[in-house]
Amino acid sequence: MTQLRYWLVGALSLVSCQPDVLCDRGYHAIAGGCYRDAVAADGGQDAAPAGDAGGECPGDRYDGFKASCERSAQCGCHAPECAPVPLGYCTRFNCDPAVTEDCPPGWTCLMIPPGASPDPTITHLCLAP
């Protein structure tokens, strides 16, 4: 019974120490990170813009990559998502490994293995060197 009590206290202390994650509208919290909602409530359109895919972002195409962040609202148009802890920088999700310009020079468009991402809609990530 004593071992069960220690285990329970330990488990509760781990859960209670986890910081609350506040995500921006159109995002949801999973495992300490904010991930884009797959479908918005407004009829199935994407909940947030997908960066500069249409070329409408001003400035250099790599502006904002690796800027420190805690939430995606702190990121810009070119690198719209905040990578979860331990990365904590602005990047782009779902880059295309065949398109070298999707990520800044020297970065890798990393494939996230199925089941490894807390959000199944995120399949790739621009990863800093």
Protein backbone atom coordinates (compact mmCIF):
# COMPACT_ATOMS: atom_id res chain seq x y z
CA MET A 1 0.00 0.00 0.00
CA THR A 2 2.87 2.37 0.76
CA GLN A 3 4.42 1.78 -2.66
CA LEU A 4 1.10 2.53 -4.33
CA ARG A 5 0.83 5.77 -2.34
CA TYR A 6 4.35 6.88 -3.42
CA TRP A 7 3.61 6.00 -7.02
CA LEU A 8 0.34 7.96 -6.94
CA VAL A 9 1.97 11.01 -5.34
CA GLY A 10 4.76 10.87 -7.93
CA ALA A 11 2.35 10.60 -10.83
CA LEU A 12 0.23 13.47 -9.56
CA SER A 13 3.26 15.68 -9.02
CA LEU A 14 4.39 15.08 -12.62
CA VAL A 15 0.99 16.02 -13.97
CA SER A 16 0.65 19.05 -11.71
CA CYS A 17 4.05 20.41 -12.79
CA GLN A 18 3.13 20.53 -16.46
CA PRO A 19 2.61 24.16 -17.51
CA ASP A 20 -0.71 25.11 -18.99
CA VAL A 21 -0.42 25.66 -22.71
CA LEU A 22 -2.54 28.42 -24.15
CA CYS A 23 -2.92 28.04 -27.88
CA ASP A 24 -4.03 30.57 -30.41
CA ARG A 25 -7.43 30.37 -32.07
CA GLY A 26 -7.35 27.65 -34.71
CA TYR A 27 -4.82 25.58 -32.72
CA HIS A 28 -5.11 22.97 -29.98
CA ALA A 29 -2.72 21.83 -27.23
CA ILE A 30 -1.17 18.36 -27.22
CA ALA A 31 1.81 17.32 -25.10
CA GLY A 32 2.98 20.86 -24.36
CA GLY A 33 2.75 22.13 -27.94
CA CYS A 34 0.19 23.93 -30.08
CA TYR A 35 -0.91 22.28 -33.30
CA ARG A 36 -3.09 23.65 -36.08
CA ASP A 37 -6.69 22.42 -36.00
CA ALA A 38 -7.31 20.12 -38.95
CA VAL A 39 -10.71 21.60 -39.80
CA ALA A 40 -12.24 24.88 -38.75
CA ALA A 41 -15.80 25.17 -37.53
CA ASP A 42 -16.66 27.39 -40.50
CA GLY A 43 -17.41 24.67 -43.00
CA GLY A 44 -14.21 22.74 -43.48
CA GLN A 45 -11.70 25.39 -44.55
CA ASP A 46 -8.21 25.31 -43.04
CA ALA A 47 -8.22 27.00 -39.66
CA ALA A 48 -5.13 29.12 -40.39
CA PRO A 49 -3.17 30.18 -43.42
CA ALA A 50 -0.36 27.88 -44.54
CA GLY A 51 2.46 30.40 -44.54
CA ASP A 52 3.54 31.94 -47.79
CA ALA A 53 2.29 29.16 -50.07
CA GLY A 54 0.53 31.70 -52.25
CA GLY A 55 3.43 34.18 -52.21
CA GLU A 56 1.52 36.87 -50.31
CA CYS A 57 4.06 37.29 -47.46
CA PRO A 58 6.25 40.42 -47.64
CA GLY A 59 10.02 40.27 -47.13
CA ASP A 60 12.53 37.46 -47.51
CA ARG A 61 10.99 33.98 -47.82
CA TYR A 62 12.92 32.83 -44.74
CA ASP A 63 12.12 35.77 -42.45
CA GLY A 64 11.11 34.59 -39.00
CA PHE A 65 12.51 31.06 -39.16
CA LYS A 66 14.16 30.11 -35.84
CA ALA A 67 12.76 33.12 -34.00
CA SER A 68 12.17 32.13 -30.38
CA CYS A 69 8.50 31.49 -29.54
CA GLU A 70 6.10 29.91 -27.12
CA ARG A 71 2.96 30.24 -29.27
CA SER A 72 2.29 30.41 -32.98
CA ALA A 73 0.90 33.96 -32.65
CA GLN A 74 4.51 35.04 -32.07
CA CYS A 75 5.54 33.67 -35.48
CA GLY A 76 5.29 35.38 -38.83
CA CYS A 77 3.86 34.62 -42.22
CA HIS A 78 6.84 32.71 -43.64
CA ALA A 79 7.32 30.48 -40.58
CA PRO A 80 3.81 30.43 -39.08
CA GLU A 81 4.08 27.61 -36.51
CA CYS A 82 5.87 27.47 -33.19
CA ALA A 83 7.64 24.12 -32.89
CA PRO A 84 6.90 22.49 -29.53
CA VAL A 85 9.37 22.23 -26.66
CA PRO A 86 12.28 21.49 -26.71
CA LEU A 87 12.61 23.29 -30.08
CA GLY A 88 10.62 26.45 -29.26
CA TYR A 89 11.27 28.31 -32.51
CA CYS A 90 9.20 29.46 -35.47
CA THR A 91 9.15 27.06 -38.38
CA ARG A 92 6.89 25.59 -41.03
CA PHE A 93 4.99 22.31 -40.73
CA ASN A 94 4.23 20.03 -43.68
CA CYS A 95 7.11 21.17 -45.85
CA ASP A 96 7.76 19.12 -48.99
CA PRO A 97 11.14 17.30 -48.93
CA ALA A 98 11.24 17.49 -52.74
CA VAL A 99 11.05 21.30 -52.65
CA THR A 100 14.34 22.58 -51.26
CA GLU A 101 13.01 26.14 -50.98
CA ASP A 102 10.35 25.11 -48.42
CA CYS A 103 12.95 25.35 -45.63
CA PRO A 104 15.86 27.79 -45.19
CA PRO A 105 19.27 26.79 -46.59
CA GLY A 106 20.94 24.20 -44.35
CA TRP A 107 17.66 23.18 -42.72
CA THR A 108 16.06 19.76 -43.17
CA CYS A 109 12.49 19.00 -44.12
CA LEU A 110 12.15 16.22 -41.58
CA MET A 111 9.54 13.51 -42.07
CA ILE A 112 7.70 12.72 -38.86
CA PRO A 113 7.01 8.97 -38.70
CA PRO A 114 3.32 8.01 -38.52
CA GLY A 115 2.24 7.85 -34.91
CA ALA A 116 5.20 9.93 -33.66
CA SER A 117 3.42 13.28 -33.94
CA PRO A 118 0.71 14.17 -31.44
CA ASP A 119 -1.16 15.65 -34.40
CA PRO A 120 -1.57 13.25 -37.35
CA THR A 121 -2.03 16.14 -39.78
CA ILE A 122 1.61 17.16 -39.23
CA THR A 123 3.75 14.94 -41.41
CA HIS A 124 6.88 17.07 -41.90
CA LEU A 125 8.73 19.87 -40.11
CA CYS A 126 11.46 22.30 -41.16
CA LEU A 127 14.20 21.46 -38.66
CA ALA A 128 17.08 23.83 -37.90
CA PRO A 129 20.63 22.49 -38.13
